[in-house]
Amino acid sequence: MSARILLLALWLPVQAAAQGFAGLGQGAEGFALPTPDPTFSFPADHGAHPDYRIEWWYLTASLEGADGQRYGMQWTLFRSALTPEGPQVWMGHLGVTTPEAHYSGERLARGGIGQAGVEADPFAAWIDDWRLEGSSLDRLRLTAAGEAAGYALDFTAEGPLVFHGQDGFSVKSPTGQASYYYSQPFYEVEGQLDLPSGLVAVTGRGWLDREWSSQPLEGDQEGWDWFSLHLEDGHKLMAFRLRGGSPYAYASWIAPDGMLTPYGPDAIALEPLETAQVADREIPVRWRLRLAAEGVDLEVAAVNPDSWQATLFPYWEGPVTATGSHAATGYLEMTGYE
């Protein structure tokens, strides 16, 4: 039995009874749960938390080539505990986007045999030969390649970590489902993309999300729309909405010095303006995003509407640009569109 088939055999019985996108709303009996007023310990918390059911290290970058063409990259490492006693399984996703094409890749691995994992100090996260590593989270090098595209990129943090929600306790539903959630949104990025047409030198801005929980969604929440934006005036904006029977929304307004102001559901407005047919689904690819308290009123558009991640749990993920009250670049992730 191949490693992929073995992992699917382990994963799918759990997911068959799951709720929400990729089972993130299923019960968390026996697992640890996030609680308010967290105390983080670094660098240890950059590593894995196996007492929690689901965790990810999620890196994106909005990039530009020397010719002015826009590109995007995504790399995510997921850890999932199938039961409180184990086993642990790992999943890696790769995405490379140009205005004309989108390339995706996926790796699956078992825990405990060195095939995948995370070490906190010095930092290293890997699955097979896909590696994100550095002396600390402030200076990282990412190397990964799929069947058609890959990248070798350096990430240098020019600002502090930021902690979403209430000091890193991020509520996701009206009834209190939550995660621990912090980001490094201040990366300067340089390196190269390896495309079918050849190597392309790129520079840009990157964003790392760290999140872990055991039941981050309410059972009737279908999925989410998540934005991370680098505004030209130096501010950053993270905003999401969760869709379904228990809708919820949140935004983090991040000043150039890293000071974060959280905003709850009544403050943020996310409105789809245009959809496209993507993978036989109607996917919103142009949005209006408003955060009136900070004078933000943006039209956000996909660089490539066909940025579909054809993975075990498929979703849309790609770079975006924004115009309106501010100019911005960034990333958009949309899950749960069936």
C-alpha atoms as a PDB file:
ATOM      1  CA  MET A   1       0.000   0.000   0.000  1.00  0.00           C
ATOM      2  CA  SER A   2       1.487   3.367  -0.999  1.00  0.00           C
ATOM      3  CA  ALA A   3       2.039   6.045   1.654  1.00  0.00           C
ATOM      4  CA  ARG A   4      -0.729   8.155   0.087  1.00  0.00           C
ATOM      5  CA  ILE A   5      -3.277   5.327   0.148  1.00  0.00           C
ATOM      6  CA  LEU A   6      -2.303   4.455   3.718  1.00  0.00           C
ATOM      7  CA  LEU A   7      -2.781   8.040   4.880  1.00  0.00           C
ATOM      8  CA  LEU A   8      -6.124   8.303   3.125  1.00  0.00           C
ATOM      9  CA  ALA A   9      -7.226   5.073   4.794  1.00  0.00           C
ATOM     10  CA  LEU A  10      -6.326   6.598   8.160  1.00  0.00           C
ATOM     11  CA  TRP A  11      -7.784  10.039   7.484  1.00  0.00           C
ATOM     12  CA  LEU A  12     -11.025   9.473   5.614  1.00  0.00           C
ATOM     13  CA  PRO A  13     -12.911   7.410   8.243  1.00  0.00           C
ATOM     14  CA  VAL A  14     -12.498  10.346  10.622  1.00  0.00           C
ATOM     15  CA  GLN A  15     -13.457  12.880   7.970  1.00  0.00           C
ATOM     16  CA  ALA A  16     -16.514  10.923   6.773  1.00  0.00           C
ATOM     17  CA  ALA A  17     -18.424  12.007   9.859  1.00  0.00           C
ATOM     18  CA  ALA A  18     -16.760  15.417   9.971  1.00  0.00           C
ATOM     19  CA  GLN A  19     -18.428  18.792   9.800  1.00  0.00           C
ATOM     20  CA  GLY A  20     -17.308  21.971   8.129  1.00  0.00           C
ATOM     21  CA  PHE A  21     -14.522  22.315   5.595  1.00  0.00           C
ATOM     22  CA  ALA A  22     -12.045  19.413   5.907  1.00  0.00           C
ATOM     23  CA  GLY A  23     -13.705  18.276   9.148  1.00  0.00           C
ATOM     24  CA  LEU A  24     -12.604  21.316  11.149  1.00  0.00           C
ATOM     25  CA  GLY A  25     -15.971  21.478  12.893  1.00  0.00           C
ATOM     26  CA  GLN A  26     -15.956  17.920  14.188  1.00  0.00           C
ATOM     27  CA  GLY A  27     -15.887  17.108  17.891  1.00  0.00           C
ATOM     28  CA  ALA A  28     -12.705  17.590  19.901  1.00  0.00           C
ATOM     29  CA  GLU A  29     -13.210  15.061  22.697  1.00  0.00           C
ATOM     30  CA  GLY A  30      -9.920  14.107  24.303  1.00  0.00           C
ATOM     31  CA  PHE A  31      -7.911  16.908  22.685  1.00  0.00           C
ATOM     32  CA  ALA A  32      -6.650  20.108  24.282  1.00  0.00           C
ATOM     33  CA  LEU A  33      -8.688  23.255  23.575  1.00  0.00           C
ATOM     34  CA  PRO A  34      -7.556  26.882  23.292  1.00  0.00           C
ATOM     35  CA  THR A  35      -8.454  29.079  26.264  1.00  0.00           C
ATOM     36  CA  PRO A  36      -8.505  32.877  26.658  1.00  0.00           C
ATOM     37  CA  ASP A  37      -5.482  34.830  27.902  1.00  0.00           C
ATOM     38  CA  PRO A  38      -2.840  32.570  26.368  1.00  0.00           C
ATOM     39  CA  THR A  39       0.815  32.761  27.298  1.00  0.00           C
ATOM     40  CA  PHE A  40       3.121  32.007  24.385  1.00  0.00           C
ATOM     41  CA  SER A  41       6.666  30.747  24.790  1.00  0.00           C
ATOM     42  CA  PHE A  42       9.122  31.293  21.955  1.00  0.00           C
ATOM     43  CA  PRO A  43      10.815  29.712  20.189  1.00  0.00           C
ATOM     44  CA  ALA A  44       9.007  26.611  21.533  1.00  0.00           C
ATOM     45  CA  ASP A  45       5.576  27.654  20.224  1.00  0.00           C
ATOM     46  CA  HIS A  46       6.934  27.891  16.691  1.00  0.00           C
ATOM     47  CA  GLY A  47       7.059  24.079  16.926  1.00  0.00           C
ATOM     48  CA  ALA A  48       4.316  21.441  17.008  1.00  0.00           C
ATOM     49  CA  HIS A  49       1.523  21.059  19.592  1.00  0.00           C
ATOM     50  CA  PRO A  50       0.479  17.396  19.325  1.00  0.00           C
ATOM     51  CA  ASP A  51      -2.136  17.697  22.109  1.00  0.00           C
ATOM     52  CA  TYR A  52      -4.241  19.726  19.645  1.00  0.00           C
ATOM     53  CA  ARG A  53      -6.011  18.074  16.719  1.00  0.00           C
ATOM     54  CA  ILE A  54      -5.030  20.409  13.869  1.00  0.00           C
ATOM     55  CA  GLU A  55      -2.158  22.828  13.263  1.00  0.00           C
ATOM     56  CA  TRP A  56      -0.534  24.622  10.351  1.00  0.00           C
ATOM     57  CA  TRP A  57       2.466  26.672   9.245  1.00  0.00           C
ATOM     58  CA  TYR A  58       1.169  28.716   6.321  1.00  0.00           C
ATOM     59  CA  LEU A  59       3.357  30.952   4.166  1.00  0.00           C
ATOM     60  CA  THR A  60       2.348  33.169   1.239  1.00  0.00           C
ATOM     61  CA  ALA A  61       4.081  35.875  -0.765  1.00  0.00           C
ATOM     62  CA  SER A  62       2.885  38.442  -3.269  1.00  0.00           C
ATOM     63  CA  LEU A  63       5.768  38.748  -5.748  1.00  0.00           C
ATOM     64  CA  GLU A  64       6.904  40.781  -8.727  1.00  0.00           C
ATOM     65  CA  GLY A  65       9.359  39.898 -11.484  1.00  0.00           C
ATOM     66  CA  ALA A  66      11.928  42.255 -12.979  1.00  0.00           C
ATOM     67  CA  ASP A  67       9.540  42.796 -15.893  1.00  0.00           C
ATOM     68  CA  GLY A  68       6.796  44.017 -13.547  1.00  0.00           C
ATOM     69  CA  GLN A  69       4.679  40.855 -13.870  1.00  0.00           C
ATOM     70  CA  ARG A  70       2.830  39.739 -10.739  1.00  0.00           C
ATOM     71  CA  TYR A  71       3.299  36.286  -9.204  1.00  0.00           C
ATOM     72  CA  GLY A  72       2.237  34.496  -6.042  1.00  0.00           C
ATOM     73  CA  MET A  73       3.456  31.575  -3.950  1.00  0.00           C
ATOM     74  CA  GLN A  74       1.991  29.498  -1.139  1.00  0.00           C
ATOM     75  CA  TRP A  75       3.519  26.797   1.051  1.00  0.00           C
ATOM     76  CA  THR A  76       1.608  25.169   3.897  1.00  0.00           C
ATOM     77  CA  LEU A  77       2.480  22.345   6.266  1.00  0.00           C
ATOM     78  CA  PHE A  78      -0.473  20.790   8.122  1.00  0.00           C
ATOM     79  CA  ARG A  79      -0.297  18.470  11.128  1.00  0.00           C
ATOM     80  CA  SER A  80      -3.359  16.464  12.147  1.00  0.00           C
ATOM     81  CA  ALA A  81      -3.827  14.074  15.072  1.00  0.00           C
ATOM     82  CA  LEU A  82      -6.365  11.424  14.103  1.00  0.00           C
ATOM     83  CA  THR A  83      -7.060  10.521  17.739  1.00  0.00           C
ATOM     84  CA  PRO A  84      -5.840  11.989  21.052  1.00  0.00           C
ATOM     85  CA  GLU A  85      -3.359   9.124  21.324  1.00  0.00           C
ATOM     86  CA  GLY A  86      -2.195   9.443  17.689  1.00  0.00           C
ATOM     87  CA  PRO A  87      -1.249   8.759  14.993  1.00  0.00           C
ATOM     88  CA  GLN A  88      -0.040  12.085  13.637  1.00  0.00           C
ATOM     89  CA  VAL A  89      -0.255  12.714   9.907  1.00  0.00           C
ATOM     90  CA  TRP A  90       1.220  15.543   7.857  1.00  0.00           C
ATOM     91  CA  MET A  91       0.163  17.215   4.631  1.00  0.00           C
ATOM     92  CA  GLY A  92       2.080  19.767   2.578  1.00  0.00           C
ATOM     93  CA  HIS A  93       0.664  22.097  -0.073  1.00  0.00           C
ATOM     94  CA  LEU A  94       2.516  24.094  -2.718  1.00  0.00           C
ATOM     95  CA  GLY A  95       1.063  26.778  -4.966  1.00  0.00           C
ATOM     96  CA  VAL A  96       2.641  28.962  -7.652  1.00  0.00           C
ATOM     97  CA  THR A  97       0.532  31.520  -9.520  1.00  0.00           C
ATOM     98  CA  THR A  98       1.198  33.621 -12.611  1.00  0.00           C
ATOM     99  CA  PRO A  99      -1.391  35.773 -14.435  1.00  0.00           C
ATOM    100  CA  GLU A 100      -1.762  32.964 -16.995  1.00  0.00           C
ATOM    101  CA  ALA A 101      -1.380  29.749 -14.958  1.00  0.00           C
ATOM    102  CA  HIS A 102      -1.656  28.179 -11.520  1.00  0.00           C
ATOM    103  CA  TYR A 103       0.412  25.194 -10.362  1.00  0.00           C
ATOM    104  CA  SER A 104      -0.343  23.162  -7.238  1.00  0.00           C
ATOM    105  CA  GLY A 105       1.342  20.287  -5.454  1.00  0.00           C
ATOM    106  CA  GLU A 106       0.680  18.091  -2.434  1.00  0.00           C
ATOM    107  CA  ARG A 107       2.627  15.742  -0.159  1.00  0.00           C
ATOM    108  CA  LEU A 108       1.298  13.383   2.520  1.00  0.00           C
ATOM    109  CA  ALA A 109       3.395  11.786   5.249  1.00  0.00           C
ATOM    110  CA  ARG A 110       3.253   9.761   8.443  1.00  0.00           C
ATOM    111  CA  GLY A 111       4.546  11.239  11.674  1.00  0.00           C
ATOM    112  CA  GLY A 112       7.206   9.728  13.867  1.00  0.00           C
ATOM    113  CA  ILE A 113       9.542   8.428  11.157  1.00  0.00           C
ATOM    114  CA  GLY A 114      11.333  11.626  10.144  1.00  0.00           C
ATOM    115  CA  GLN A 115       9.425  12.026   6.875  1.00  0.00           C
ATOM    116  CA  ALA A 116       7.799  15.257   8.070  1.00  0.00           C
ATOM    117  CA  GLY A 117       7.948  17.456  11.132  1.00  0.00           C
ATOM    118  CA  VAL A 118       8.821  20.769  12.733  1.00  0.00           C
ATOM    119  CA  GLU A 119      11.715  21.767  14.999  1.00  0.00           C
ATOM    120  CA  ALA A 120      11.533  25.073  16.850  1.00  0.00           C
ATOM    121  CA  ASP A 121      15.170  26.056  17.463  1.00  0.00           C
ATOM    122  CA  PRO A 122      16.772  26.403  15.001  1.00  0.00           C
ATOM    123  CA  PHE A 123      13.566  26.454  13.013  1.00  0.00           C
ATOM    124  CA  ALA A 124      12.907  23.727  10.458  1.00  0.00           C
ATOM    125  CA  ALA A 125       9.620  22.531   8.931  1.00  0.00           C
ATOM    126  CA  TRP A 126       9.688  19.843   6.275  1.00  0.00           C
ATOM    127  CA  ILE A 127       7.807  17.161   4.424  1.00  0.00           C
ATOM    128  CA  ASP A 128      10.016  14.949   2.277  1.00  0.00           C
ATOM    129  CA  ASP A 129      12.359  17.346   0.434  1.00  0.00           C
ATOM    130  CA  TRP A 130      10.156  20.433   0.848  1.00  0.00           C
ATOM    131  CA  ARG A 131      11.883  22.525   3.533  1.00  0.00           C
ATOM    132  CA  LEU A 132      11.342  25.808   5.359  1.00  0.00           C
ATOM    133  CA  GLU A 133      14.287  26.483   7.672  1.00  0.00           C
ATOM    134  CA  GLY A 134      16.496  29.115   9.223  1.00  0.00           C
ATOM    135  CA  SER A 135      18.348  30.232  12.335  1.00  0.00           C
ATOM    136  CA  SER A 136      15.055  31.676  13.607  1.00  0.00           C
ATOM    137  CA  LEU A 137      11.631  32.633  12.291  1.00  0.00           C
ATOM    138  CA  ASP A 138      13.111  36.027  11.345  1.00  0.00           C
ATOM    139  CA  ARG A 139      15.307  34.580   8.595  1.00  0.00           C
ATOM    140  CA  LEU A 140      13.969  31.635   6.608  1.00  0.00           C
ATOM    141  CA  ARG A 141      14.741  29.879   3.356  1.00  0.00           C
ATOM    142  CA  LEU A 142      12.046  27.916   1.536  1.00  0.00           C
ATOM    143  CA  THR A 143      12.757  25.329  -1.132  1.00  0.00           C
ATOM    144  CA  ALA A 144      10.047  23.179  -2.708  1.00  0.00           C
ATOM    145  CA  ALA A 145       9.141  21.854  -6.137  1.00  0.00           C
ATOM    146  CA  GLY A 146       6.033  20.240  -7.555  1.00  0.00           C
ATOM    147  CA  GLU A 147       5.670  18.405 -10.843  1.00  0.00           C
ATOM    148  CA  ALA A 148       5.493  21.625 -12.891  1.00  0.00           C
ATOM    149  CA  ALA A 149       6.717  24.505 -10.711  1.00  0.00           C
ATOM    150  CA  GLY A 150       8.613  25.345  -7.549  1.00  0.00           C
ATOM    151  CA  TYR A 151      10.643  28.006  -5.779  1.00  0.00           C
ATOM    152  CA  ALA A 152      13.735  28.863  -3.758  1.00  0.00           C
ATOM    153  CA  LEU A 153      12.993  31.965  -1.675  1.00  0.00           C
ATOM    154  CA  ASP A 154      14.497  33.853   1.256  1.00  0.00           C
ATOM    155  CA  PHE A 155      12.251  35.532   3.861  1.00  0.00           C
ATOM    156  CA  THR A 156      13.589  38.276   6.155  1.00  0.00           C
ATOM    157  CA  ALA A 157      11.318  39.718   8.868  1.00  0.00           C
ATOM    158  CA  GLU A 158      11.359  43.533   9.105  1.00  0.00           C
ATOM    159  CA  GLY A 159       8.830  43.780  11.944  1.00  0.00           C
ATOM    160  CA  PRO A 160       7.445  41.873  14.959  1.00  0.00           C
ATOM    161  CA  LEU A 161       5.042  38.980  15.326  1.00  0.00           C
ATOM    162  CA  VAL A 162       1.389  39.991  15.702  1.00  0.00           C
ATOM    163  CA  PHE A 163      -1.258  38.179  17.761  1.00  0.00           C
ATOM    164  CA  HIS A 164      -4.803  38.066  16.415  1.00  0.00           C
ATOM    165  CA  GLY A 165      -8.052  38.258  18.373  1.00  0.00           C
ATOM    166  CA  GLN A 166      -7.386  38.812  22.069  1.00  0.00           C
ATOM    167  CA  ASP A 167      -3.609  38.432  22.379  1.00  0.00           C
ATOM    168  CA  GLY A 168      -3.572  35.367  20.142  1.00  0.00           C
ATOM    169  CA  PHE A 169      -6.888  33.801  21.205  1.00  0.00           C
ATOM    170  CA  SER A 170      -8.855  33.985  17.953  1.00  0.00           C
ATOM    171  CA  VAL A 171     -12.614  33.364  18.168  1.00  0.00           C
ATOM    172  CA  LYS A 172     -14.179  31.804  15.049  1.00  0.00           C
ATOM    173  CA  SER A 173     -17.910  31.524  15.843  1.00  0.00           C
ATOM    174  CA  PRO A 174     -20.723  33.118  17.866  1.00  0.00           C
ATOM    175  CA  THR A 175     -20.570  30.156  20.261  1.00  0.00           C
ATOM    176  CA  GLY A 176     -16.861  30.496  20.938  1.00  0.00           C
ATOM    177  CA  GLN A 177     -14.925  28.039  18.771  1.00  0.00           C
ATOM    178  CA  ALA A 178     -11.389  29.368  18.731  1.00  0.00           C
ATOM    179  CA  SER A 179      -7.759  28.845  17.848  1.00  0.00           C
ATOM    180  CA  TYR A 180      -4.384  30.165  18.906  1.00  0.00           C
ATOM    181  CA  TYR A 181      -3.325  32.411  16.039  1.00  0.00           C
ATOM    182  CA  TYR A 182      -0.340  34.642  15.382  1.00  0.00           C
ATOM    183  CA  SER A 183       1.404  35.877  12.240  1.00  0.00           C
ATOM    184  CA  GLN A 184       4.643  37.269  10.904  1.00  0.00           C
ATOM    185  CA  PRO A 185       3.337  39.699   8.239  1.00  0.00           C
ATOM    186  CA  PHE A 186       6.543  41.712   7.757  1.00  0.00           C
ATOM    187  CA  TYR A 187       8.658  39.497   5.524  1.00  0.00           C
ATOM    188  CA  GLU A 188      10.679  40.923   2.669  1.00  0.00           C
ATOM    189  CA  VAL A 189      11.116  38.172   0.070  1.00  0.00           C
ATOM    190  CA  GLU A 190      13.603  37.545  -2.700  1.00  0.00           C
ATOM    191  CA  GLY A 191      14.620  34.529  -4.740  1.00  0.00           C
ATOM    192  CA  GLN A 192      13.403  32.698  -7.789  1.00  0.00           C
ATOM    193  CA  LEU A 193      10.451  30.767  -9.133  1.00  0.00           C
ATOM    194  CA  ASP A 194      11.053  27.670 -11.229  1.00  0.00           C
ATOM    195  CA  LEU A 195       8.375  27.756 -13.934  1.00  0.00           C
ATOM    196  CA  PRO A 196       7.905  25.617 -17.070  1.00  0.00           C
ATOM    197  CA  SER A 197       9.240  28.585 -19.035  1.00  0.00           C
ATOM    198  CA  GLY A 198      12.397  28.801 -16.879  1.00  0.00           C
ATOM    199  CA  LEU A 199      13.709  30.531 -13.755  1.00  0.00           C
ATOM    200  CA  VAL A 200      12.243  33.926 -12.809  1.00  0.00           C
ATOM    201  CA  ALA A 201      13.901  36.245 -10.271  1.00  0.00           C
ATOM    202  CA  VAL A 202      11.304  37.800  -7.932  1.00  0.00           C
ATOM    203  CA  THR A 203      10.992  40.097  -4.936  1.00  0.00           C
ATOM    204  CA  GLY A 204       7.993  40.879  -2.768  1.00  0.00           C
ATOM    205  CA  ARG A 205       6.304  40.692   0.602  1.00  0.00           C
ATOM    206  CA  GLY A 206       5.493  37.567   2.595  1.00  0.00           C
ATOM    207  CA  TRP A 207       3.147  36.540   5.392  1.00  0.00           C
ATOM    208  CA  LEU A 208       3.412  33.561   7.768  1.00  0.00           C
ATOM    209  CA  ASP A 209       0.365  32.330   9.711  1.00  0.00           C
ATOM    210  CA  ARG A 210       0.683  30.032  12.712  1.00  0.00           C
ATOM    211  CA  GLU A 211      -2.518  28.505  14.018  1.00  0.00           C
ATOM    212  CA  TRP A 212      -3.536  25.511  16.107  1.00  0.00           C
ATOM    213  CA  SER A 213      -6.761  24.247  17.644  1.00  0.00           C
ATOM    214  CA  SER A 214      -8.868  21.134  18.073  1.00  0.00           C
ATOM    215  CA  GLN A 215     -12.232  22.416  16.800  1.00  0.00           C
ATOM    216  CA  PRO A 216     -11.656  25.760  15.056  1.00  0.00           C
ATOM    217  CA  LEU A 217     -15.060  25.793  13.320  1.00  0.00           C
ATOM    218  CA  GLU A 218     -18.664  25.471  14.437  1.00  0.00           C
ATOM    219  CA  GLY A 219     -20.229  22.325  12.997  1.00  0.00           C
ATOM    220  CA  ASP A 220     -22.490  24.220  10.566  1.00  0.00           C
ATOM    221  CA  GLN A 221     -19.780  26.541   9.217  1.00  0.00           C
ATOM    222  CA  GLU A 222     -19.058  25.566   5.612  1.00  0.00           C
ATOM    223  CA  GLY A 223     -15.756  27.335   5.018  1.00  0.00           C
ATOM    224  CA  TRP A 224     -14.058  30.721   4.993  1.00  0.00           C
ATOM    225  CA  ASP A 225     -12.841  33.643   2.905  1.00  0.00           C
ATOM    226  CA  TRP A 226      -9.501  34.948   4.255  1.00  0.00           C
ATOM    227  CA  PHE A 227      -7.552  38.026   3.143  1.00  0.00           C
ATOM    228  CA  SER A 228      -4.013  39.139   4.013  1.00  0.00           C
ATOM    229  CA  LEU A 229      -3.076  42.517   2.532  1.00  0.00           C
ATOM    230  CA  HIS A 230       0.066  44.662   2.460  1.00  0.00           C
ATOM    231  CA  LEU A 231      -1.018  48.289   2.067  1.00  0.00           C
ATOM    232  CA  GLU A 232       1.333  50.704   0.341  1.00  0.00           C
ATOM    233  CA  ASP A 233       1.351  53.045   3.352  1.00  0.00           C
ATOM    234  CA  GLY A 234       2.925  50.292   5.495  1.00  0.00           C
ATOM    235  CA  HIS A 235      -0.209  48.994   7.231  1.00  0.00           C
ATOM    236  CA  LYS A 236      -1.249  45.338   7.056  1.00  0.00           C
ATOM    237  CA  LEU A 237      -4.786  43.982   7.110  1.00  0.00           C
ATOM    238  CA  MET A 238      -5.991  40.473   7.853  1.00  0.00           C
ATOM    239  CA  ALA A 239      -9.722  39.814   7.520  1.00  0.00           C
ATOM    240  CA  PHE A 240     -11.888  36.725   7.295  1.00  0.00           C
ATOM    241  CA  ARG A 241     -15.502  35.688   7.213  1.00  0.00           C
ATOM    242  CA  LEU A 242     -16.827  32.224   8.053  1.00  0.00           C
ATOM    243  CA  ARG A 243     -19.848  31.110   6.065  1.00  0.00           C
ATOM    244  CA  GLY A 244     -22.772  28.861   6.922  1.00  0.00           C
ATOM    245  CA  GLY A 245     -25.329  28.589   9.686  1.00  0.00           C
ATOM    246  CA  SER A 246     -23.071  30.377  12.205  1.00  0.00           C
ATOM    247  CA  PRO A 247     -21.509  33.234  10.209  1.00  0.00           C
ATOM    248  CA  TYR A 248     -18.676  35.167  11.786  1.00  0.00           C
ATOM    249  CA  ALA A 249     -16.179  37.836  10.714  1.00  0.00           C
ATOM    250  CA  TYR A 250     -13.046  39.423  12.107  1.00  0.00           C
ATOM    251  CA  ALA A 251     -10.264  41.829  11.056  1.00  0.00           C
ATOM    252  CA  SER A 252      -6.803  42.731  12.345  1.00  0.00           C
ATOM    253  CA  TRP A 253      -5.553  46.228  11.497  1.00  0.00           C
ATOM    254  CA  ILE A 254      -1.761  46.202  11.849  1.00  0.00           C
ATOM    255  CA  ALA A 255       0.238  49.440  12.033  1.00  0.00           C
ATOM    256  CA  PRO A 256       3.699  49.709  10.435  1.00  0.00           C
ATOM    257  CA  ASP A 257       5.279  49.244  13.883  1.00  0.00           C
ATOM    258  CA  GLY A 258       3.278  46.048  14.503  1.00  0.00           C
ATOM    259  CA  MET A 259       0.603  47.432  16.832  1.00  0.00           C
ATOM    260  CA  LEU A 260      -2.582  45.428  16.174  1.00  0.00           C
ATOM    261  CA  THR A 261      -6.154  46.659  16.556  1.00  0.00           C
ATOM    262  CA  PRO A 262      -8.766  43.852  16.511  1.00  0.00           C
ATOM    263  CA  TYR A 263     -12.232  44.340  15.007  1.00  0.00           C
ATOM    264  CA  GLY A 264     -15.241  42.082  15.490  1.00  0.00           C
ATOM    265  CA  PRO A 265     -18.051  41.004  13.152  1.00  0.00           C
ATOM    266  CA  ASP A 266     -19.903  44.334  13.072  1.00  0.00           C
ATOM    267  CA  ALA A 267     -16.852  46.293  11.918  1.00  0.00           C
ATOM    268  CA  ILE A 268     -15.813  44.371   8.807  1.00  0.00           C
ATOM    269  CA  ALA A 269     -17.825  44.044   5.568  1.00  0.00           C
ATOM    270  CA  LEU A 270     -16.830  41.540   2.860  1.00  0.00           C
ATOM    271  CA  GLU A 271     -18.974  41.575  -0.264  1.00  0.00           C
ATOM    272  CA  PRO A 272     -18.414  39.429  -3.382  1.00  0.00           C
ATOM    273  CA  LEU A 273     -18.699  41.553  -6.539  1.00  0.00           C
ATOM    274  CA  GLU A 274     -17.927  39.060  -9.303  1.00  0.00           C
ATOM    275  CA  THR A 275     -17.649  35.285  -9.634  1.00  0.00           C
ATOM    276  CA  ALA A 276     -15.880  33.006 -12.096  1.00  0.00           C
ATOM    277  CA  GLN A 277     -16.411  29.391 -13.067  1.00  0.00           C
ATOM    278  CA  VAL A 278     -13.467  27.577 -11.492  1.00  0.00           C
ATOM    279  CA  ALA A 279     -13.247  23.781 -11.229  1.00  0.00           C
ATOM    280  CA  ASP A 280     -17.001  23.551 -11.911  1.00  0.00           C
ATOM    281  CA  ARG A 281     -17.721  25.930  -9.023  1.00  0.00           C
ATOM    282  CA  GLU A 282     -18.828  29.551  -8.815  1.00  0.00           C
ATOM    283  CA  ILE A 283     -15.959  31.246  -7.001  1.00  0.00           C
ATOM    284  CA  PRO A 284     -15.889  34.945  -5.981  1.00  0.00           C
ATOM    285  CA  VAL A 285     -12.827  36.507  -7.633  1.00  0.00           C
ATOM    286  CA  ARG A 286     -13.541  40.222  -7.052  1.00  0.00           C
ATOM    287  CA  TRP A 287     -14.571  41.617  -3.665  1.00  0.00           C
ATOM    288  CA  ARG A 288     -15.376  44.813  -1.821  1.00  0.00           C
ATOM    289  CA  LEU A 289     -13.706  44.969   1.596  1.00  0.00           C
ATOM    290  CA  ARG A 290     -14.630  47.704   4.059  1.00  0.00           C
ATOM    291  CA  LEU A 291     -13.259  48.537   7.500  1.00  0.00           C
ATOM    292  CA  ALA A 292     -14.878  51.905   8.127  1.00  0.00           C
ATOM    293  CA  ALA A 293     -13.196  52.520  11.479  1.00  0.00           C
ATOM    294  CA  GLU A 294      -9.841  52.739   9.669  1.00  0.00           C
ATOM    295  CA  GLY A 295     -11.088  54.434   6.483  1.00  0.00           C
ATOM    296  CA  VAL A 296     -10.618  51.286   4.410  1.00  0.00           C
ATOM    297  CA  ASP A 297     -12.793  50.708   1.344  1.00  0.00           C
ATOM    298  CA  LEU A 298     -11.104  48.410  -1.165  1.00  0.00           C
ATOM    299  CA  GLU A 299     -11.882  46.530  -4.337  1.00  0.00           C
ATOM    300  CA  VAL A 300      -9.844  43.323  -4.211  1.00  0.00           C
ATOM    301  CA  ALA A 301      -9.267  41.330  -7.410  1.00  0.00           C
ATOM    302  CA  ALA A 302      -7.565  38.029  -8.144  1.00  0.00           C
ATOM    303  CA  VAL A 303      -4.363  38.156 -10.185  1.00  0.00           C
ATOM    304  CA  ASN A 304      -5.476  34.867 -11.766  1.00  0.00           C
ATOM    305  CA  PRO A 305      -9.124  33.822 -11.207  1.00  0.00           C
ATOM    306  CA  ASP A 306      -8.233  30.171 -11.894  1.00  0.00           C
ATOM    307  CA  SER A 307      -6.023  29.751  -8.791  1.00  0.00           C
ATOM    308  CA  TRP A 308      -7.477  26.390  -7.758  1.00  0.00           C
ATOM    309  CA  GLN A 309      -5.602  24.069  -5.403  1.00  0.00           C
ATOM    310  CA  ALA A 310      -6.561  20.598  -6.668  1.00  0.00           C
ATOM    311  CA  THR A 311      -5.573  18.850  -3.444  1.00  0.00           C
ATOM    312  CA  LEU A 312      -7.136  16.245  -1.137  1.00  0.00           C
ATOM    313  CA  PHE A 313      -9.348  19.000   0.310  1.00  0.00           C
ATOM    314  CA  PRO A 314      -9.552  21.415  -2.665  1.00  0.00           C
ATOM    315  CA  TYR A 315      -9.791  25.184  -2.261  1.00  0.00           C
ATOM    316  CA  TRP A 316      -8.994  28.492  -3.992  1.00  0.00           C
ATOM    317  CA  GLU A 317      -5.738  30.234  -3.094  1.00  0.00           C
ATOM    318  CA  GLY A 318      -3.972  33.014  -4.959  1.00  0.00           C
ATOM    319  CA  PRO A 319      -2.463  36.504  -5.045  1.00  0.00           C
ATOM    320  CA  VAL A 320      -4.658  39.587  -5.210  1.00  0.00           C
ATOM    321  CA  THR A 321      -4.309  43.315  -5.793  1.00  0.00           C
ATOM    322  CA  ALA A 322      -6.474  46.035  -4.238  1.00  0.00           C
ATOM    323  CA  THR A 323      -7.472  49.553  -5.224  1.00  0.00           C
ATOM    324  CA  GLY A 324      -9.718  52.192  -3.684  1.00  0.00           C
ATOM    325  CA  SER A 325      -8.956  53.951  -0.406  1.00  0.00           C
ATOM    326  CA  HIS A 326      -5.538  52.266  -0.462  1.00  0.00           C
ATOM    327  CA  ALA A 327      -3.395  50.372  -2.953  1.00  0.00           C
ATOM    328  CA  ALA A 328      -2.404  46.920  -1.750  1.00  0.00           C
ATOM    329  CA  THR A 329      -1.139  43.481  -2.698  1.00  0.00           C
ATOM    330  CA  GLY A 330      -1.682  40.256  -0.838  1.00  0.00           C
ATOM    331  CA  TYR A 331      -3.373  36.883  -0.770  1.00  0.00           C
ATOM    332  CA  LEU A 332      -6.878  35.421  -0.684  1.00  0.00           C
ATOM    333  CA  GLU A 333      -7.895  31.932   0.438  1.00  0.00           C
ATOM    334  CA  MET A 334     -11.447  30.592  -0.044  1.00  0.00           C
ATOM    335  CA  THR A 335     -12.546  27.182   1.224  1.00  0.00           C
ATOM    336  CA  GLY A 336     -15.745  25.163   1.315  1.00  0.00           C
ATOM    337  CA  TYR A 337     -17.127  26.083  -2.118  1.00  0.00           C
ATOM    338  CA  GLU A 338     -18.869  22.957  -3.406  1.00  0.00           C
END
